[in-house]
Every structure is written in C-alpha cells, then in structure tokens.
Amino acid sequence: MVKYNKAIVGEVQFENYADSIKKVLDLIKVNELISNEKRIILKPNLTINKKPPVTTDVRCVEEIMRAGDKLPKNARINPKILFSN
C-alpha cells in the first residue's frame, strides 16, 4: 500500500479480476477506509465503445460490484445509479 497525498494506492499481481480485486481491497483495508462514509461513488470509464485499457473492463466493474456486497451496510454500491443515463 502506498499513500500519495490523500490517495491510497494498492498494487497486487494480476491473476484474475475476482482474486485481484479482493486482494487489493484487503490490502488497502477498504472497510476501515470507508467505515464512516455515507456514500461511495464508483465511476468506471465506460463512456465510449473502445476496448480496455481505454475504458474500464466490464468484468472489473462486475467484480467491484460483487465486492460491494461485502462492504459495510452504509457503503453499498447501487448499480442503478452506476449505470443510469
């Protein structure tokens, strides 16, 4: 885990989205980081029809949303907000 000003960056060796996202969220201690937050906004780059790395891979977003099911109750990821027009 590395801190840049106020940003906390976690880096793990990529295996697959499910395992890697779990590892990096554990590494940065996401539950502690967001325990007092009322709203978490996830803004993937899905704005244009281009392949990664220009945009966020949809599989990555899916795994982050799955990980959101394990976050504290006050920090749920709402897919209706995430994907609304």
N, C-alpha and C. Protein backbone atom coordinates (compact mmCIF):
# COMPACT_ATOMS: atom_id res chain seq x y z
N MET A 1 0.86 -1.18 0.00
CA MET A 1 0.00 0.00 0.00
C MET A 1 0.90 1.23 0.00
N VAL A 2 0.54 2.21 -0.84
CA VAL A 2 1.30 3.43 -0.96
C VAL A 2 0.35 4.60 -0.78
N LYS A 3 0.78 5.63 -0.08
CA LYS A 3 -0.04 6.83 0.07
C LYS A 3 0.56 7.95 -0.76
N TYR A 4 -0.26 8.55 -1.61
CA TYR A 4 0.10 9.72 -2.40
C TYR A 4 -0.82 10.84 -1.95
N ASN A 5 -0.27 11.80 -1.20
CA ASN A 5 -1.10 12.85 -0.61
C ASN A 5 -2.23 12.19 0.17
N LYS A 6 -3.47 12.37 -0.27
CA LYS A 6 -4.60 11.75 0.41
C LYS A 6 -5.04 10.44 -0.23
N ALA A 7 -4.51 10.14 -1.41
CA ALA A 7 -4.90 8.92 -2.13
C ALA A 7 -4.14 7.72 -1.58
N ILE A 8 -4.81 6.61 -1.48
CA ILE A 8 -4.19 5.36 -1.06
C ILE A 8 -4.24 4.42 -2.25
N VAL A 9 -3.09 3.91 -2.63
CA VAL A 9 -2.99 3.07 -3.81
C VAL A 9 -2.51 1.68 -3.40
N GLY A 10 -3.25 0.67 -3.82
CA GLY A 10 -2.85 -0.71 -3.57
C GLY A 10 -2.45 -1.35 -4.89
N GLU A 11 -1.41 -2.15 -4.85
CA GLU A 11 -0.96 -2.82 -6.07
C GLU A 11 -0.72 -4.29 -5.77
N VAL A 12 -1.31 -5.14 -6.59
CA VAL A 12 -1.13 -6.58 -6.48
C VAL A 12 -0.84 -7.14 -7.86
N GLN A 13 -0.25 -8.31 -7.89
CA GLN A 13 -0.02 -9.00 -9.16
C GLN A 13 -1.37 -9.47 -9.70
N PHE A 14 -1.69 -9.14 -10.95
CA PHE A 14 -2.98 -9.53 -11.52
C PHE A 14 -3.02 -11.03 -11.77
N GLU A 15 -4.07 -11.66 -11.26
CA GLU A 15 -4.34 -13.08 -11.51
C GLU A 15 -5.61 -13.19 -12.35
N ASN A 16 -6.67 -12.68 -11.79
CA ASN A 16 -7.96 -12.55 -12.46
C ASN A 16 -8.70 -11.47 -11.68
N TYR A 17 -9.79 -10.96 -12.24
CA TYR A 17 -10.46 -9.83 -11.58
C TYR A 17 -10.97 -10.19 -10.18
N ALA A 18 -11.58 -11.34 -10.02
CA ALA A 18 -12.16 -11.71 -8.73
C ALA A 18 -11.10 -11.74 -7.63
N ASP A 19 -10.03 -12.46 -7.86
CA ASP A 19 -8.99 -12.59 -6.84
C ASP A 19 -8.21 -11.30 -6.64
N SER A 20 -7.87 -10.64 -7.73
CA SER A 20 -7.04 -9.44 -7.63
C SER A 20 -7.77 -8.29 -6.94
N ILE A 21 -9.05 -8.11 -7.25
CA ILE A 21 -9.81 -7.03 -6.61
C ILE A 21 -9.97 -7.32 -5.13
N LYS A 22 -10.26 -8.56 -4.77
CA LYS A 22 -10.35 -8.90 -3.35
C LYS A 22 -9.04 -8.61 -2.63
N LYS A 23 -7.92 -9.01 -3.24
CA LYS A 23 -6.62 -8.79 -2.61
C LYS A 23 -6.30 -7.31 -2.44
N VAL A 24 -6.57 -6.52 -3.46
CA VAL A 24 -6.23 -5.10 -3.36
C VAL A 24 -7.14 -4.38 -2.37
N LEU A 25 -8.41 -4.75 -2.31
CA LEU A 25 -9.31 -4.14 -1.33
C LEU A 25 -8.90 -4.52 0.09
N ASP A 26 -8.46 -5.75 0.29
CA ASP A 26 -7.95 -6.17 1.59
C ASP A 26 -6.66 -5.41 1.92
N LEU A 27 -5.79 -5.26 0.93
CA LEU A 27 -4.52 -4.58 1.13
C LEU A 27 -4.70 -3.14 1.60
N ILE A 28 -5.63 -2.43 1.00
CA ILE A 28 -5.83 -1.03 1.39
C ILE A 28 -6.79 -0.89 2.57
N LYS A 29 -7.25 -2.03 3.09
CA LYS A 29 -8.17 -2.05 4.25
C LYS A 29 -9.40 -1.19 3.97
N VAL A 30 -10.07 -1.53 2.87
CA VAL A 30 -11.19 -0.73 2.40
C VAL A 30 -12.28 -0.58 3.45
N ASN A 31 -12.56 -1.60 4.23
CA ASN A 31 -13.62 -1.49 5.25
C ASN A 31 -13.30 -0.40 6.27
N GLU A 32 -12.03 -0.29 6.66
CA GLU A 32 -11.63 0.76 7.59
C GLU A 32 -11.70 2.13 6.91
N LEU A 33 -11.28 2.20 5.67
CA LEU A 33 -11.25 3.47 4.96
C LEU A 33 -12.64 4.08 4.80
N ILE A 34 -13.63 3.24 4.57
CA ILE A 34 -14.96 3.77 4.27
C ILE A 34 -15.95 3.62 5.42
N SER A 35 -15.49 3.20 6.57
CA SER A 35 -16.41 2.89 7.66
C SER A 35 -17.28 4.08 8.07
N ASN A 36 -16.81 5.29 7.89
CA ASN A 36 -17.59 6.47 8.28
C ASN A 36 -18.22 7.20 7.10
N GLU A 37 -18.08 6.64 5.92
CA GLU A 37 -18.63 7.29 4.73
C GLU A 37 -20.10 6.94 4.57
N LYS A 38 -20.89 7.90 4.12
CA LYS A 38 -22.31 7.66 3.89
C LYS A 38 -22.60 7.27 2.45
N ARG A 39 -21.74 7.67 1.54
CA ARG A 39 -21.97 7.37 0.13
C ARG A 39 -20.62 7.14 -0.55
N ILE A 40 -20.57 6.09 -1.33
CA ILE A 40 -19.38 5.77 -2.12
C ILE A 40 -19.79 5.83 -3.59
N ILE A 41 -19.05 6.56 -4.38
CA ILE A 41 -19.35 6.66 -5.80
C ILE A 41 -18.27 5.91 -6.57
N LEU A 42 -18.72 5.01 -7.40
CA LEU A 42 -17.82 4.27 -8.28
C LEU A 42 -18.06 4.78 -9.69
N LYS A 43 -17.03 5.34 -10.30
CA LYS A 43 -17.18 5.93 -11.62
C LYS A 43 -16.21 5.27 -12.60
N PRO A 44 -16.62 4.12 -13.14
CA PRO A 44 -15.76 3.48 -14.15
C PRO A 44 -15.81 4.25 -15.46
N ASN A 45 -14.79 4.12 -16.24
CA ASN A 45 -14.73 4.76 -17.54
C ASN A 45 -15.39 3.84 -18.57
N LEU A 46 -16.69 3.94 -18.70
CA LEU A 46 -17.45 3.13 -19.65
C LEU A 46 -18.17 4.02 -20.66
N THR A 47 -17.59 5.16 -20.95
CA THR A 47 -18.30 6.17 -21.73
C THR A 47 -18.25 5.98 -23.24
N ILE A 48 -17.27 5.26 -23.75
CA ILE A 48 -17.16 5.08 -25.19
C ILE A 48 -16.99 3.61 -25.53
N ASN A 49 -17.27 3.27 -26.74
CA ASN A 49 -17.21 1.88 -27.18
C ASN A 49 -15.79 1.54 -27.65
N LYS A 50 -14.87 1.48 -26.71
CA LYS A 50 -13.49 1.10 -27.01
C LYS A 50 -13.07 0.02 -26.02
N LYS A 51 -12.12 -0.79 -26.42
CA LYS A 51 -11.65 -1.87 -25.56
C LYS A 51 -10.67 -1.34 -24.52
N PRO A 52 -10.57 -2.06 -23.38
CA PRO A 52 -9.55 -1.71 -22.39
C PRO A 52 -8.17 -1.77 -23.03
N PRO A 53 -7.23 -0.95 -22.61
CA PRO A 53 -7.24 -0.13 -21.40
C PRO A 53 -7.81 1.26 -21.58
N VAL A 54 -8.42 1.58 -22.74
CA VAL A 54 -9.01 2.90 -22.93
C VAL A 54 -10.21 3.08 -22.00
N THR A 55 -10.96 2.03 -21.79
CA THR A 55 -12.10 2.05 -20.87
C THR A 55 -11.89 0.98 -19.79
N THR A 56 -12.72 1.03 -18.79
CA THR A 56 -12.66 0.03 -17.72
C THR A 56 -13.30 -1.26 -18.21
N ASP A 57 -12.61 -2.36 -18.04
CA ASP A 57 -13.15 -3.66 -18.45
C ASP A 57 -14.42 -3.95 -17.63
N VAL A 58 -15.48 -4.33 -18.32
CA VAL A 58 -16.76 -4.61 -17.66
C VAL A 58 -16.60 -5.69 -16.60
N ARG A 59 -15.73 -6.66 -16.83
CA ARG A 59 -15.51 -7.72 -15.83
C ARG A 59 -14.96 -7.15 -14.55
N CYS A 60 -14.15 -6.11 -14.65
CA CYS A 60 -13.62 -5.44 -13.46
C CYS A 60 -14.75 -4.78 -12.68
N VAL A 61 -15.62 -4.07 -13.38
CA VAL A 61 -16.75 -3.40 -12.72
C VAL A 61 -17.65 -4.43 -12.05
N GLU A 62 -17.91 -5.55 -12.71
CA GLU A 62 -18.74 -6.61 -12.12
C GLU A 62 -18.14 -7.11 -10.81
N GLU A 63 -16.85 -7.33 -10.80
CA GLU A 63 -16.21 -7.84 -9.58
C GLU A 63 -16.20 -6.80 -8.46
N ILE A 64 -16.04 -5.54 -8.81
CA ILE A 64 -16.11 -4.49 -7.79
C ILE A 64 -17.51 -4.44 -7.19
N MET A 65 -18.52 -4.60 -8.03
CA MET A 65 -19.90 -4.62 -7.52
C MET A 65 -20.13 -5.83 -6.63
N ARG A 66 -19.56 -6.98 -7.00
CA ARG A 66 -19.68 -8.17 -6.14
C ARG A 66 -18.98 -7.92 -4.80
N ALA A 67 -17.83 -7.29 -4.86
CA ALA A 67 -17.10 -6.97 -3.63
C ALA A 67 -17.92 -6.01 -2.77
N GLY A 68 -18.70 -5.15 -3.42
CA GLY A 68 -19.55 -4.21 -2.68
C GLY A 68 -20.57 -4.89 -1.80
N ASP A 69 -20.95 -6.10 -2.13
CA ASP A 69 -21.89 -6.85 -1.29
C ASP A 69 -21.29 -7.19 0.07
N LYS A 70 -19.97 -7.15 0.17
CA LYS A 70 -19.29 -7.49 1.42
C LYS A 70 -18.85 -6.26 2.20
N LEU A 71 -19.14 -5.08 1.68
CA LEU A 71 -18.77 -3.84 2.36
C LEU A 71 -19.74 -3.55 3.49
N PRO A 72 -19.37 -2.63 4.39
CA PRO A 72 -20.32 -2.25 5.46
C PRO A 72 -21.64 -1.77 4.86
N LYS A 73 -22.71 -1.93 5.59
CA LYS A 73 -24.05 -1.62 5.08
C LYS A 73 -24.19 -0.18 4.63
N ASN A 74 -23.43 0.74 5.22
CA ASN A 74 -23.54 2.14 4.83
C ASN A 74 -22.84 2.44 3.50
N ALA A 75 -22.14 1.46 2.94
CA ALA A 75 -21.34 1.72 1.74
C ALA A 75 -21.71 0.77 0.61
N ARG A 76 -22.95 0.68 0.32
CA ARG A 76 -23.40 -0.19 -0.76
C ARG A 76 -23.18 0.46 -2.11
N ILE A 77 -22.92 -0.35 -3.11
CA ILE A 77 -22.80 0.13 -4.47
C ILE A 77 -24.14 -0.10 -5.14
N ASN A 78 -24.72 0.96 -5.66
CA ASN A 78 -26.04 0.87 -6.27
C ASN A 78 -25.89 0.84 -7.79
N PRO A 79 -26.13 -0.33 -8.42
CA PRO A 79 -25.94 -0.41 -9.87
C PRO A 79 -26.91 0.45 -10.66
N LYS A 80 -28.06 0.79 -10.09
CA LYS A 80 -28.99 1.66 -10.80
C LYS A 80 -28.39 3.05 -10.96
N ILE A 81 -27.71 3.52 -9.94
CA ILE A 81 -27.04 4.82 -10.02
C ILE A 81 -25.84 4.72 -10.94
N LEU A 82 -25.10 3.65 -10.81
CA LEU A 82 -23.86 3.47 -11.56
C LEU A 82 -24.12 3.45 -13.06
N PHE A 83 -25.18 2.80 -13.49
CA PHE A 83 -25.42 2.63 -14.91
C PHE A 83 -26.60 3.44 -15.45
N SER A 84 -27.07 4.42 -14.70
CA SER A 84 -28.19 5.21 -15.19
C SER A 84 -27.72 6.23 -16.22
N ASN A 85 -28.62 6.64 -17.09
CA ASN A 85 -28.30 7.65 -18.12
C ASN A 85 -28.60 9.03 -17.63
